[in-house]
Amino acid sequence: MKLRDFIDIFRLPRATVNLMLEQTTDNDPFYAKVVKAQYDEANSRHPKMLFARKYEYGYTLCELPKTFDDYFMKIEASARRNYKKALRLGYKTKRMDFNKHLEDVRDIWVSTPVRQRRLMPQDIREGQVRPVTDPPSKTTYHDYPYYGVFKDEKVLAYAACLIAGELCEVQNIYGHVQYQNDGLVPMLFIDIARELLNSFPAVKYYSYGTFYGAGETMRRFKQKFLFDPYHVTWKLSSM
């Protein structure tokens, strides 16, 4: 960690994120396991800051405003331009059934072996896509939705999200490299925010990973969509 970052962590805004374990009672047991796993990971020891928990300092959060229009106007102008470009080119975002688009996912994975200057794992480079077995959620408090950017019914970018009480965390996001200049990934981030505001009323915070482990380019990208570093306290439940 850079000295500047180490100094900055003591000035971070604070947030408390409630994962609402108690709301999994009437849902499939899968969701209680997912919530507990998220809580345990967040509170595990940080790999570089021995005095801190893994997602305590520098976890990125966007505190969602009340309306999508408010969110859209707060993100950077370049992000709005990318979104409008994708719309003009005929792309649209919608929730997807991952298992019905395995070939599209494979095409996205194998479109480039390197992302964010990192060599992808072998299974991704070789397109070894496997169906998911996540059970459907029975509530809006917890879910594991996939969202895709479509054109002519083909998925060209997608994201997997964890919905856990007040949190939506984008856990995986991939775009087909051939179409990366069309604004697909910005469209995906923006339309997920829209979906959160429309369909998941308990979600207060939208997240995309950690801040201090990212390079300068990725940090800049995250902040373009209002993902800023926070000092986070994690609550497993409201009890």
Protein backbone atom coordinates (compact mmCIF):
# COMPACT_ATOMS: atom_id res chain seq x y z
CA MET A 1 0.00 0.00 0.00
CA LYS A 2 1.23 3.48 -0.89
CA LEU A 3 1.96 5.90 1.94
CA ARG A 4 -0.72 8.22 0.58
CA ASP A 5 -3.27 5.41 0.76
CA PHE A 6 -2.25 4.50 4.30
CA ILE A 7 -2.84 8.09 5.39
CA ASP A 8 -6.14 8.29 3.51
CA ILE A 9 -7.69 5.26 5.20
CA PHE A 10 -8.01 7.21 8.44
CA ARG A 11 -10.05 9.88 6.64
CA LEU A 12 -12.52 7.60 4.88
CA PRO A 13 -16.25 8.19 5.23
CA ARG A 14 -17.93 5.57 7.40
CA ALA A 15 -20.81 3.26 6.57
CA THR A 16 -22.55 0.36 8.29
CA VAL A 17 -23.81 -2.37 5.96
CA ASN A 18 -26.51 -4.72 7.22
CA LEU A 19 -26.67 -8.07 5.39
CA MET A 20 -30.06 -8.88 7.00
CA LEU A 21 -29.51 -12.56 7.74
CA GLU A 22 -32.85 -12.69 9.55
CA GLN A 23 -34.64 -12.15 6.22
CA THR A 24 -33.33 -15.48 4.87
CA THR A 25 -35.67 -17.48 7.14
CA ASP A 26 -38.30 -17.95 4.45
CA ASN A 27 -35.82 -18.34 1.62
CA ASP A 28 -33.78 -21.27 0.34
CA PRO A 29 -30.98 -22.19 2.82
CA PHE A 30 -28.50 -21.30 0.08
CA TYR A 31 -28.99 -17.61 0.84
CA ALA A 32 -28.24 -17.90 4.55
CA LYS A 33 -24.98 -19.64 3.60
CA VAL A 34 -24.12 -16.91 1.09
CA VAL A 35 -24.80 -14.14 3.61
CA LYS A 36 -22.69 -15.80 6.30
CA ALA A 37 -19.88 -16.36 3.79
CA GLN A 38 -19.93 -12.69 2.79
CA TYR A 39 -19.86 -11.59 6.42
CA ASP A 40 -17.01 -13.97 7.29
CA GLU A 41 -14.95 -12.86 4.30
CA ALA A 42 -15.54 -9.18 5.05
CA ASN A 43 -14.31 -9.68 8.61
CA SER A 44 -11.38 -11.97 7.84
CA ARG A 45 -7.85 -10.62 8.23
CA HIS A 46 -6.70 -8.22 5.56
CA PRO A 47 -3.87 -9.76 3.47
CA LYS A 48 -1.71 -6.61 3.69
CA MET A 49 -3.01 -4.52 6.60
CA LEU A 50 -2.59 -6.81 9.59
CA PHE A 51 -4.49 -4.45 11.90
CA ALA A 52 -7.58 -4.44 9.65
CA ARG A 53 -10.31 -6.71 8.39
CA LYS A 54 -10.45 -7.56 4.71
CA TYR A 55 -13.39 -5.30 3.76
CA GLU A 56 -13.05 -2.76 6.56
CA TYR A 57 -10.95 -0.07 4.89
CA GLY A 58 -11.30 0.80 1.22
CA TYR A 59 -14.30 -1.32 0.31
CA THR A 60 -16.09 0.63 -2.42
CA LEU A 61 -19.65 1.78 -1.93
CA CYS A 62 -22.07 3.90 -3.85
CA GLU A 63 -24.87 5.08 -1.58
CA LEU A 64 -27.82 4.93 -3.92
CA PRO A 65 -29.95 8.06 -4.25
CA LYS A 66 -33.74 7.89 -4.23
CA THR A 67 -34.22 7.81 -8.00
CA PHE A 68 -32.41 6.55 -11.06
CA ASP A 69 -32.42 10.04 -12.57
CA ASP A 70 -30.56 11.30 -9.51
CA TYR A 71 -27.99 8.51 -9.89
CA PHE A 72 -27.61 9.10 -13.62
CA MET A 73 -26.92 12.79 -13.18
CA LYS A 74 -24.35 12.18 -10.41
CA ILE A 75 -22.12 9.83 -12.38
CA GLU A 76 -19.48 11.38 -14.60
CA ALA A 77 -20.46 12.88 -17.94
CA SER A 78 -18.22 10.42 -19.81
CA ALA A 79 -20.16 7.51 -18.29
CA ARG A 80 -23.44 9.06 -19.43
CA ARG A 81 -22.02 9.51 -22.93
CA ASN A 82 -20.94 5.86 -23.07
CA TYR A 83 -24.39 4.78 -21.94
CA LYS A 84 -26.13 6.88 -24.60
CA LYS A 85 -23.76 5.51 -27.24
CA ALA A 86 -24.70 1.94 -26.31
CA LEU A 87 -28.38 2.85 -26.54
CA ARG A 88 -27.89 4.38 -30.00
CA LEU A 89 -26.14 1.22 -31.16
CA GLY A 90 -29.12 -0.88 -30.16
CA TYR A 91 -27.92 -2.54 -26.94
CA LYS A 92 -30.19 -3.18 -23.96
CA THR A 93 -29.71 -4.61 -20.49
CA LYS A 94 -31.96 -7.17 -18.84
CA ARG A 95 -31.82 -9.89 -16.25
CA MET A 96 -30.64 -13.12 -17.82
CA ASP A 97 -30.88 -16.83 -17.21
CA PHE A 98 -27.17 -17.67 -17.12
CA ASN A 99 -27.70 -21.32 -18.11
CA LYS A 100 -29.53 -20.32 -21.29
CA HIS A 101 -26.56 -18.30 -22.54
CA LEU A 102 -23.56 -20.51 -21.88
CA GLU A 103 -22.27 -20.21 -25.45
CA ASP A 104 -22.50 -16.43 -25.32
CA VAL A 105 -20.62 -16.43 -22.00
CA ARG A 106 -17.98 -18.67 -23.53
CA ASP A 107 -17.54 -16.26 -26.45
CA ILE A 108 -17.08 -13.38 -23.98
CA TRP A 109 -14.54 -15.30 -21.91
CA VAL A 110 -12.34 -16.38 -24.81
CA SER A 111 -12.46 -12.96 -26.53
CA THR A 112 -9.29 -11.99 -24.64
CA PRO A 113 -6.89 -13.88 -22.35
CA VAL A 114 -5.89 -10.69 -20.45
CA ARG A 115 -8.16 -8.32 -18.53
CA GLN A 116 -7.01 -5.33 -16.49
CA ARG A 117 -3.44 -6.36 -17.37
CA ARG A 118 -3.90 -9.74 -15.70
CA LEU A 119 -3.84 -13.15 -17.33
CA MET A 120 -7.20 -14.79 -16.78
CA PRO A 121 -7.46 -18.21 -15.08
CA GLN A 122 -7.12 -21.19 -17.38
CA ASP A 123 -10.80 -22.18 -17.24
CA ILE A 124 -11.80 -18.71 -18.46
CA ARG A 125 -9.11 -18.57 -21.17
CA GLU A 126 -10.29 -21.96 -22.44
CA GLY A 127 -13.99 -21.14 -22.16
CA GLN A 128 -14.83 -23.90 -19.70
CA VAL A 129 -18.25 -22.52 -18.77
CA ARG A 130 -20.34 -24.55 -16.36
CA PRO A 131 -24.03 -24.15 -15.56
CA VAL A 132 -24.91 -22.49 -12.26
CA THR A 133 -27.07 -24.23 -9.67
CA ASP A 134 -28.16 -21.26 -7.56
CA PRO A 135 -31.80 -21.71 -6.44
CA PRO A 136 -34.25 -18.95 -7.29
CA SER A 137 -34.83 -16.46 -4.48
CA LYS A 138 -38.23 -16.12 -2.83
CA THR A 139 -37.72 -12.55 -1.60
CA THR A 140 -36.19 -9.25 -2.68
CA TYR A 141 -33.87 -9.17 0.37
CA HIS A 142 -31.42 -11.73 -1.02
CA ASP A 143 -30.72 -12.88 -4.54
CA TYR A 144 -27.94 -13.74 -6.97
CA PRO A 145 -29.04 -12.20 -10.28
CA TYR A 146 -27.16 -12.13 -13.55
CA TYR A 147 -27.61 -9.18 -15.88
CA GLY A 148 -26.64 -9.14 -19.53
CA VAL A 149 -26.22 -6.56 -22.25
CA PHE A 150 -28.00 -7.92 -25.30
CA LYS A 151 -28.04 -7.20 -29.00
CA ASP A 152 -30.22 -9.32 -31.26
CA GLU A 153 -30.75 -11.70 -28.30
CA LYS A 154 -27.03 -12.36 -27.97
CA VAL A 155 -25.27 -11.54 -24.69
CA LEU A 156 -22.13 -9.46 -25.24
CA ALA A 157 -21.45 -8.43 -21.62
CA TYR A 158 -22.74 -9.71 -18.30
CA ALA A 159 -22.40 -9.28 -14.54
CA ALA A 160 -23.13 -11.48 -11.53
CA CYS A 161 -24.43 -9.66 -8.46
CA LEU A 162 -24.89 -10.61 -4.83
CA ILE A 163 -27.94 -9.06 -3.21
CA ALA A 164 -27.60 -9.29 0.57
CA GLY A 165 -29.84 -7.00 2.60
CA GLU A 166 -28.57 -3.45 2.20
CA LEU A 167 -25.80 -4.51 -0.21
CA CYS A 168 -25.52 -5.23 -3.90
CA GLU A 169 -21.99 -6.32 -4.79
CA VAL A 170 -20.95 -6.80 -8.41
CA GLN A 171 -18.86 -9.95 -8.05
CA ASN A 172 -18.04 -10.68 -11.69
CA ILE A 173 -18.32 -8.56 -14.80
CA TYR A 174 -17.10 -9.42 -18.30
CA GLY A 175 -17.51 -7.85 -21.72
CA HIS A 176 -16.67 -9.13 -25.18
CA VAL A 177 -13.45 -7.34 -26.14
CA GLN A 178 -14.56 -6.86 -29.76
CA TYR A 179 -17.35 -4.54 -28.57
CA GLN A 180 -15.60 -2.84 -25.67
CA ASN A 181 -15.70 0.58 -27.32
CA ASP A 182 -19.49 0.46 -27.67
CA GLY A 183 -20.07 1.31 -24.01
CA LEU A 184 -21.36 -2.10 -22.92
CA VAL A 185 -19.73 -2.23 -19.48
CA PRO A 186 -20.77 1.32 -18.55
CA MET A 187 -24.30 0.46 -19.68
CA LEU A 188 -24.24 -2.62 -17.46
CA PHE A 189 -23.16 -0.74 -14.34
CA ILE A 190 -25.72 1.99 -14.93
CA ASP A 191 -28.64 -0.31 -15.68
CA ILE A 192 -27.89 -2.47 -12.65
CA ALA A 193 -28.29 0.66 -10.53
CA ARG A 194 -31.65 1.21 -12.21
CA GLU A 195 -32.68 -2.38 -11.44
CA LEU A 196 -31.65 -2.05 -7.80
CA LEU A 197 -33.79 1.05 -7.38
CA ASN A 198 -36.75 -0.59 -9.11
CA SER A 199 -36.63 -4.15 -7.76
CA PHE A 200 -34.60 -4.34 -4.54
CA PRO A 201 -35.93 -1.72 -2.10
CA ALA A 202 -33.75 -2.88 0.82
CA VAL A 203 -30.50 -2.23 -1.07
CA LYS A 204 -28.85 0.93 0.16
CA TYR A 205 -25.30 0.39 -1.08
CA TYR A 206 -24.03 -0.61 -4.53
CA SER A 207 -20.47 -1.97 -4.56
CA TYR A 208 -17.71 -3.01 -6.92
CA GLY A 209 -14.89 -4.58 -4.92
CA THR A 210 -12.06 -2.83 -3.14
CA PHE A 211 -10.29 0.43 -3.93
CA TYR A 212 -6.73 0.18 -2.65
CA GLY A 213 -5.91 -3.08 -4.40
CA ALA A 214 -6.73 -1.53 -7.76
CA GLY A 215 -4.43 0.37 -10.10
CA GLU A 216 -4.91 4.06 -10.83
CA THR A 217 -6.87 3.40 -14.04
CA MET A 218 -9.30 1.05 -12.30
CA ARG A 219 -9.70 3.43 -9.34
CA ARG A 220 -10.61 6.18 -11.76
CA PHE A 221 -13.07 3.88 -13.51
CA LYS A 222 -14.76 2.93 -10.24
CA GLN A 223 -15.17 6.51 -9.13
CA LYS A 224 -16.70 7.39 -12.48
CA PHE A 225 -19.71 5.31 -11.35
CA LEU A 226 -19.61 6.64 -7.74
CA PHE A 227 -17.82 3.63 -6.23
CA ASP A 228 -15.76 5.38 -3.55
CA PRO A 229 -13.68 3.85 -0.72
CA TYR A 230 -15.30 3.65 2.72
CA HIS A 231 -14.53 2.55 6.24
CA VAL A 232 -17.16 -0.17 6.59
CA THR A 233 -18.68 -1.83 9.63
CA TRP A 234 -20.48 -5.06 8.77
CA LYS A 235 -23.66 -6.25 10.47
CA LEU A 236 -24.83 -9.83 9.95
CA SER A 237 -28.41 -9.07 10.95
CA SER A 238 -30.73 -6.44 12.38
CA MET A 239 -31.12 -8.38 15.63
